[in-house]
Amino acid sequence: MHKKIPLLLLLSTSLLISADHHAMEGDKSKKEMKKMEMMKKKDHMKKEMERKGMWKPEDCKKISETSGAYLYFSGQAFKKRSALEKDGNQVAADEAFSEAKALAELAANFAKNFETYCKR
C-alpha cells in the first residue's frame, strides 16, 4: 500500500507537468486584448441592433442597391416617355410615364425601409 502512494504521486505530478499551457488574460499581448475588446463590442452592437429591430448590414446593402436600381430604371422610363412624347405618340408616352411613376414609388418604398431599419 505504501509503495503505491509514491507511484501515484509521481504519475500525477508528471501529468500536471505535461498538461497544456492555457494562457491567462495577463499573458496576452496588448494587440490580442484590443482585438478581443473589439469583438465583444461588435457582438454587443449586433445584439443591440437585433433588439431595436435593425437589419443586418448585408441586407441593408441589398435594400439600398435595389432602391437605386428602381430609381435608375424609373429615370430610363421617363426618358423614354419624353422621346415618345416628342414623336407624338401620346398613348405610349402615358404608359411610359405610368411605368416611371411605379418604379419611382418602389424606389421610395425601399429607401424608406432602408431609413427605418438600417440607419443607426
N, C-alpha and C. Protein backbone atom coordinates (compact mmCIF):
# COMPACT_ATOMS: atom_id res chain seq x y z
N MET A 1 0.81 -1.19 0.00
CA MET A 1 0.00 0.00 0.00
C MET A 1 0.86 1.26 0.00
N HIS A 2 1.91 1.27 0.88
CA HIS A 2 2.79 2.44 0.99
C HIS A 2 3.62 2.65 -0.27
N LYS A 3 3.84 1.59 -1.04
CA LYS A 3 4.60 1.71 -2.27
C LYS A 3 3.76 2.35 -3.39
N LYS A 4 2.47 2.19 -3.29
CA LYS A 4 1.59 2.72 -4.32
C LYS A 4 1.43 4.25 -4.21
N ILE A 5 1.53 4.80 -3.02
CA ILE A 5 1.35 6.24 -2.83
C ILE A 5 2.44 7.03 -3.56
N PRO A 6 3.72 6.70 -3.41
CA PRO A 6 4.73 7.45 -4.17
C PRO A 6 4.56 7.28 -5.68
N LEU A 7 4.14 6.09 -6.09
CA LEU A 7 3.92 5.85 -7.50
C LEU A 7 2.77 6.73 -8.02
N LEU A 8 1.69 6.84 -7.27
CA LEU A 8 0.58 7.70 -7.65
C LEU A 8 1.00 9.17 -7.69
N LEU A 9 1.77 9.60 -6.72
CA LEU A 9 2.26 10.98 -6.70
C LEU A 9 3.15 11.26 -7.91
N LEU A 10 4.00 10.34 -8.24
CA LEU A 10 4.89 10.50 -9.38
C LEU A 10 4.09 10.61 -10.68
N LEU A 11 3.10 9.73 -10.84
CA LEU A 11 2.28 9.76 -12.06
C LEU A 11 1.44 11.03 -12.15
N SER A 12 0.85 11.43 -11.06
CA SER A 12 0.01 12.63 -11.10
C SER A 12 0.84 13.89 -11.33
N THR A 13 2.04 13.96 -10.78
CA THR A 13 2.91 15.10 -10.99
C THR A 13 3.34 15.17 -12.45
N SER A 14 3.68 14.04 -13.03
CA SER A 14 4.10 14.06 -14.44
C SER A 14 2.93 14.46 -15.34
N LEU A 15 1.72 14.11 -14.98
CA LEU A 15 0.57 14.52 -15.76
C LEU A 15 0.35 16.03 -15.67
N LEU A 16 0.53 16.59 -14.50
CA LEU A 16 0.38 18.02 -14.34
C LEU A 16 1.43 18.80 -15.10
N ILE A 17 2.64 18.29 -15.11
CA ILE A 17 3.73 18.96 -15.81
C ILE A 17 3.50 18.93 -17.32
N SER A 18 2.99 17.83 -17.83
CA SER A 18 2.82 17.70 -19.28
C SER A 18 1.49 18.28 -19.79
N ALA A 19 0.67 18.80 -18.89
CA ALA A 19 -0.62 19.37 -19.32
C ALA A 19 -0.39 20.59 -20.19
N ASP A 20 -1.33 20.85 -21.08
CA ASP A 20 -1.24 22.01 -21.97
C ASP A 20 -1.24 23.29 -21.16
N HIS A 21 -0.50 24.24 -21.66
CA HIS A 21 -0.48 25.55 -21.02
C HIS A 21 -1.64 26.36 -21.57
N HIS A 22 -2.50 26.83 -20.72
CA HIS A 22 -3.62 27.67 -21.12
C HIS A 22 -3.28 29.10 -20.73
N ALA A 23 -3.22 29.95 -21.72
CA ALA A 23 -2.82 31.33 -21.48
C ALA A 23 -3.83 32.05 -20.61
N MET A 24 -3.33 32.79 -19.71
CA MET A 24 -4.17 33.60 -18.85
C MET A 24 -4.32 34.97 -19.50
N GLU A 25 -5.27 35.76 -19.02
CA GLU A 25 -5.51 37.07 -19.61
C GLU A 25 -4.26 37.95 -19.51
N GLY A 26 -3.50 37.81 -18.47
CA GLY A 26 -2.29 38.60 -18.29
C GLY A 26 -1.19 38.21 -19.26
N ASP A 27 -1.28 36.99 -19.84
CA ASP A 27 -0.26 36.52 -20.77
C ASP A 27 -0.49 37.03 -22.19
N LYS A 28 -1.64 37.59 -22.47
CA LYS A 28 -1.96 38.02 -23.83
C LYS A 28 -1.35 39.39 -24.12
N SER A 29 -1.00 39.56 -25.39
CA SER A 29 -0.41 40.83 -25.79
C SER A 29 -1.49 41.90 -25.85
N LYS A 30 -1.05 43.14 -25.91
CA LYS A 30 -2.00 44.26 -25.99
C LYS A 30 -2.83 44.17 -27.25
N LYS A 31 -2.22 43.73 -28.33
CA LYS A 31 -2.92 43.61 -29.61
C LYS A 31 -4.05 42.58 -29.51
N GLU A 32 -3.74 41.45 -28.88
CA GLU A 32 -4.76 40.41 -28.71
C GLU A 32 -5.89 40.90 -27.81
N MET A 33 -5.54 41.63 -26.77
CA MET A 33 -6.55 42.15 -25.85
C MET A 33 -7.46 43.15 -26.56
N LYS A 34 -6.86 44.02 -27.39
CA LYS A 34 -7.63 45.01 -28.12
C LYS A 34 -8.57 44.32 -29.11
N LYS A 35 -8.08 43.26 -29.75
CA LYS A 35 -8.89 42.51 -30.70
C LYS A 35 -10.08 41.87 -29.98
N MET A 36 -9.84 41.32 -28.80
CA MET A 36 -10.92 40.70 -28.02
C MET A 36 -11.96 41.76 -27.61
N GLU A 37 -11.50 42.95 -27.23
CA GLU A 37 -12.41 44.02 -26.86
C GLU A 37 -13.28 44.42 -28.04
N MET A 38 -12.66 44.53 -29.22
CA MET A 38 -13.41 44.90 -30.42
C MET A 38 -14.46 43.85 -30.76
N MET A 39 -14.12 42.58 -30.60
CA MET A 39 -15.07 41.50 -30.87
C MET A 39 -16.25 41.58 -29.90
N LYS A 40 -15.96 41.87 -28.63
CA LYS A 40 -17.03 42.00 -27.65
C LYS A 40 -17.95 43.17 -27.99
N LYS A 41 -17.35 44.30 -28.40
CA LYS A 41 -18.14 45.46 -28.79
C LYS A 41 -19.00 45.16 -30.01
N LYS A 42 -18.41 44.45 -30.97
CA LYS A 42 -19.14 44.10 -32.19
C LYS A 42 -20.33 43.20 -31.85
N ASP A 43 -20.11 42.21 -31.00
CA ASP A 43 -21.20 41.33 -30.58
C ASP A 43 -22.28 42.11 -29.85
N HIS A 44 -21.85 43.04 -29.00
CA HIS A 44 -22.82 43.85 -28.26
C HIS A 44 -23.64 44.71 -29.22
N MET A 45 -22.98 45.30 -30.22
CA MET A 45 -23.69 46.13 -31.20
C MET A 45 -24.69 45.30 -32.00
N LYS A 46 -24.30 44.08 -32.39
CA LYS A 46 -25.21 43.21 -33.12
C LYS A 46 -26.45 42.90 -32.29
N LYS A 47 -26.23 42.57 -31.02
CA LYS A 47 -27.36 42.26 -30.15
C LYS A 47 -28.26 43.47 -29.96
N GLU A 48 -27.65 44.63 -29.83
CA GLU A 48 -28.42 45.87 -29.66
C GLU A 48 -29.22 46.18 -30.92
N MET A 49 -28.61 45.96 -32.08
CA MET A 49 -29.31 46.19 -33.34
C MET A 49 -30.50 45.23 -33.47
N GLU A 50 -30.29 43.97 -33.11
CA GLU A 50 -31.38 42.99 -33.17
C GLU A 50 -32.49 43.38 -32.21
N ARG A 51 -32.12 43.87 -31.04
CA ARG A 51 -33.11 44.27 -30.05
C ARG A 51 -33.95 45.43 -30.57
N LYS A 52 -33.32 46.34 -31.29
CA LYS A 52 -34.02 47.51 -31.83
C LYS A 52 -34.73 47.20 -33.14
N GLY A 53 -34.57 46.00 -33.68
CA GLY A 53 -35.20 45.63 -34.93
C GLY A 53 -34.40 46.05 -36.15
N MET A 54 -33.11 46.33 -35.97
CA MET A 54 -32.28 46.74 -37.09
C MET A 54 -31.90 45.51 -37.93
N TRP A 55 -31.71 45.73 -39.23
CA TRP A 55 -31.36 44.66 -40.14
C TRP A 55 -29.85 44.50 -40.23
N LYS A 56 -29.43 43.35 -40.73
CA LYS A 56 -28.01 43.08 -40.92
C LYS A 56 -27.43 43.98 -42.01
N PRO A 57 -26.16 44.36 -41.91
CA PRO A 57 -25.55 45.24 -42.91
C PRO A 57 -25.65 44.70 -44.34
N GLU A 58 -25.49 43.38 -44.50
CA GLU A 58 -25.56 42.83 -45.86
C GLU A 58 -26.98 42.96 -46.44
N ASP A 59 -28.00 42.84 -45.58
CA ASP A 59 -29.38 43.04 -46.04
C ASP A 59 -29.63 44.51 -46.37
N CYS A 60 -29.08 45.39 -45.57
CA CYS A 60 -29.25 46.82 -45.81
C CYS A 60 -28.60 47.22 -47.13
N LYS A 61 -27.46 46.63 -47.42
CA LYS A 61 -26.77 46.92 -48.69
C LYS A 61 -27.65 46.50 -49.87
N LYS A 62 -28.29 45.34 -49.76
CA LYS A 62 -29.17 44.86 -50.83
C LYS A 62 -30.36 45.80 -51.01
N ILE A 63 -30.94 46.26 -49.90
CA ILE A 63 -32.09 47.18 -49.96
C ILE A 63 -31.68 48.48 -50.64
N SER A 64 -30.52 49.00 -50.26
CA SER A 64 -30.03 50.25 -50.84
C SER A 64 -29.78 50.09 -52.35
N GLU A 65 -29.14 48.99 -52.72
CA GLU A 65 -28.85 48.76 -54.14
C GLU A 65 -30.14 48.60 -54.95
N THR A 66 -31.12 47.92 -54.37
CA THR A 66 -32.39 47.72 -55.06
C THR A 66 -33.12 49.05 -55.26
N SER A 67 -33.10 49.89 -54.23
CA SER A 67 -33.72 51.20 -54.34
C SER A 67 -33.06 52.01 -55.46
N GLY A 68 -31.75 51.96 -55.50
CA GLY A 68 -31.02 52.67 -56.55
C GLY A 68 -31.33 52.14 -57.94
N ALA A 69 -31.47 50.83 -58.06
CA ALA A 69 -31.80 50.23 -59.36
C ALA A 69 -33.19 50.67 -59.83
N TYR A 70 -34.16 50.63 -58.91
CA TYR A 70 -35.51 51.07 -59.28
C TYR A 70 -35.50 52.55 -59.70
N LEU A 71 -34.75 53.35 -58.99
CA LEU A 71 -34.67 54.77 -59.34
C LEU A 71 -34.03 54.97 -60.72
N TYR A 72 -32.99 54.19 -61.00
CA TYR A 72 -32.34 54.27 -62.30
C TYR A 72 -33.32 53.91 -63.42
N PHE A 73 -34.03 52.79 -63.24
CA PHE A 73 -34.97 52.36 -64.28
C PHE A 73 -36.15 53.31 -64.41
N SER A 74 -36.51 53.95 -63.33
CA SER A 74 -37.55 54.97 -63.39
C SER A 74 -37.09 56.13 -64.27
N GLY A 75 -35.86 56.55 -64.09
CA GLY A 75 -35.29 57.62 -64.92
C GLY A 75 -35.25 57.23 -66.39
N GLN A 76 -34.89 55.97 -66.66
CA GLN A 76 -34.86 55.48 -68.04
C GLN A 76 -36.26 55.50 -68.66
N ALA A 77 -37.26 55.09 -67.89
CA ALA A 77 -38.65 55.09 -68.38
C ALA A 77 -39.11 56.53 -68.65
N PHE A 78 -38.67 57.46 -67.80
CA PHE A 78 -39.07 58.85 -68.00
C PHE A 78 -38.43 59.43 -69.27
N LYS A 79 -37.17 59.06 -69.52
CA LYS A 79 -36.51 59.49 -70.76
C LYS A 79 -37.25 58.93 -71.98
N LYS A 80 -37.66 57.66 -71.85
CA LYS A 80 -38.41 57.02 -72.93
C LYS A 80 -39.72 57.77 -73.17
N ARG A 81 -40.37 58.16 -72.09
CA ARG A 81 -41.63 58.91 -72.17
C ARG A 81 -41.41 60.22 -72.92
N SER A 82 -40.34 60.93 -72.57
CA SER A 82 -40.04 62.21 -73.23
C SER A 82 -39.83 62.03 -74.73
N ALA A 83 -39.09 60.97 -75.10
CA ALA A 83 -38.83 60.71 -76.51
C ALA A 83 -40.13 60.37 -77.25
N LEU A 84 -40.97 59.56 -76.61
CA LEU A 84 -42.25 59.19 -77.24
C LEU A 84 -43.17 60.40 -77.39
N GLU A 85 -43.12 61.28 -76.42
CA GLU A 85 -43.96 62.47 -76.46
C GLU A 85 -43.51 63.41 -77.60
N LYS A 86 -42.20 63.50 -77.78
CA LYS A 86 -41.68 64.33 -78.88
C LYS A 86 -42.09 63.77 -80.24
N ASP A 87 -42.16 62.44 -80.31
CA ASP A 87 -42.57 61.78 -81.56
C ASP A 87 -44.08 61.86 -81.79
N GLY A 88 -44.83 62.34 -80.81
CA GLY A 88 -46.27 62.48 -80.95
C GLY A 88 -47.06 61.24 -80.56
N ASN A 89 -46.41 60.26 -79.97
CA ASN A 89 -47.09 59.03 -79.55
C ASN A 89 -47.52 59.19 -78.09
N GLN A 90 -48.63 59.87 -77.87
CA GLN A 90 -49.08 60.22 -76.52
C GLN A 90 -49.50 59.00 -75.70
N VAL A 91 -50.12 58.01 -76.33
CA VAL A 91 -50.58 56.81 -75.60
C VAL A 91 -49.37 56.06 -75.02
N ALA A 92 -48.36 55.81 -75.84
CA ALA A 92 -47.15 55.12 -75.38
C ALA A 92 -46.40 55.98 -74.36
N ALA A 93 -46.43 57.30 -74.52
CA ALA A 93 -45.77 58.21 -73.58
C ALA A 93 -46.45 58.13 -72.22
N ASP A 94 -47.78 58.05 -72.23
CA ASP A 94 -48.52 57.93 -70.96
C ASP A 94 -48.21 56.60 -70.26
N GLU A 95 -48.08 55.53 -71.05
CA GLU A 95 -47.72 54.22 -70.47
C GLU A 95 -46.31 54.28 -69.87
N ALA A 96 -45.40 54.91 -70.57
CA ALA A 96 -44.02 55.04 -70.07
C ALA A 96 -43.99 55.89 -68.81
N PHE A 97 -44.86 56.92 -68.77
CA PHE A 97 -44.93 57.74 -67.56
C PHE A 97 -45.45 56.93 -66.38
N SER A 98 -46.47 56.10 -66.62
CA SER A 98 -47.01 55.24 -65.55
C SER A 98 -45.94 54.27 -65.05
N GLU A 99 -45.16 53.74 -65.98
CA GLU A 99 -44.06 52.84 -65.61
C GLU A 99 -43.02 53.58 -64.76
N ALA A 100 -42.65 54.79 -65.18
CA ALA A 100 -41.66 55.59 -64.45
C ALA A 100 -42.18 55.91 -63.05
N LYS A 101 -43.46 56.25 -62.96
CA LYS A 101 -44.05 56.58 -61.67
C LYS A 101 -44.06 55.38 -60.74
N ALA A 102 -44.45 54.21 -61.26
CA ALA A 102 -44.48 52.99 -60.44
C ALA A 102 -43.08 52.62 -59.94
N LEU A 103 -42.10 52.71 -60.81
CA LEU A 103 -40.72 52.40 -60.41
C LEU A 103 -40.19 53.39 -59.39
N ALA A 104 -40.54 54.65 -59.53
CA ALA A 104 -40.11 55.67 -58.56
C ALA A 104 -40.75 55.42 -57.20
N GLU A 105 -42.00 54.98 -57.19
CA GLU A 105 -42.66 54.65 -55.92
C GLU A 105 -42.00 53.45 -55.24
N LEU A 106 -41.63 52.45 -56.04
CA LEU A 106 -40.91 51.30 -55.48
C LEU A 106 -39.58 51.73 -54.88
N ALA A 107 -38.86 52.59 -55.60
CA ALA A 107 -37.57 53.10 -55.10
C ALA A 107 -37.77 53.83 -53.78
N ALA A 108 -38.82 54.64 -53.70
CA ALA A 108 -39.10 55.39 -52.48
C ALA A 108 -39.44 54.45 -51.32
N ASN A 109 -40.20 53.39 -51.61
CA ASN A 109 -40.55 52.43 -50.56
C ASN A 109 -39.31 51.71 -50.02
N PHE A 110 -38.43 51.31 -50.93
CA PHE A 110 -37.20 50.65 -50.50
C PHE A 110 -36.33 51.62 -49.70
N ALA A 111 -36.26 52.87 -50.13
CA ALA A 111 -35.48 53.87 -49.41
C ALA A 111 -36.03 54.09 -48.01
N LYS A 112 -37.35 54.09 -47.88
CA LYS A 112 -37.98 54.28 -46.57
C LYS A 112 -37.66 53.09 -45.65
N ASN A 113 -37.69 51.88 -46.22
CA ASN A 113 -37.31 50.70 -45.43
C ASN A 113 -35.86 50.79 -44.98
N PHE A 114 -35.00 51.25 -45.87
CA PHE A 114 -33.60 51.42 -45.51
C PHE A 114 -33.47 52.41 -44.36
N GLU A 115 -34.15 53.53 -44.48
CA GLU A 115 -34.10 54.56 -43.45
C GLU A 115 -34.61 54.03 -42.11
N THR A 116 -35.67 53.24 -42.16
CA THR A 116 -36.30 52.74 -40.94
C THR A 116 -35.47 51.67 -40.26
N TYR A 117 -34.98 50.69 -41.03
CA TYR A 117 -34.37 49.52 -40.43
C TYR A 117 -32.84 49.47 -40.51
N CYS A 118 -32.24 50.39 -41.24
CA CYS A 118 -30.79 50.31 -41.43
C CYS A 118 -30.00 51.48 -40.88
N LYS A 119 -30.60 52.65 -40.80
CA LYS A 119 -29.87 53.81 -40.26
C LYS A 119 -29.72 53.66 -38.76
N ARG A 120 -28.54 53.97 -38.29
CA ARG A 120 -28.25 53.79 -36.87
C ARG A 120 -28.48 55.07 -36.13
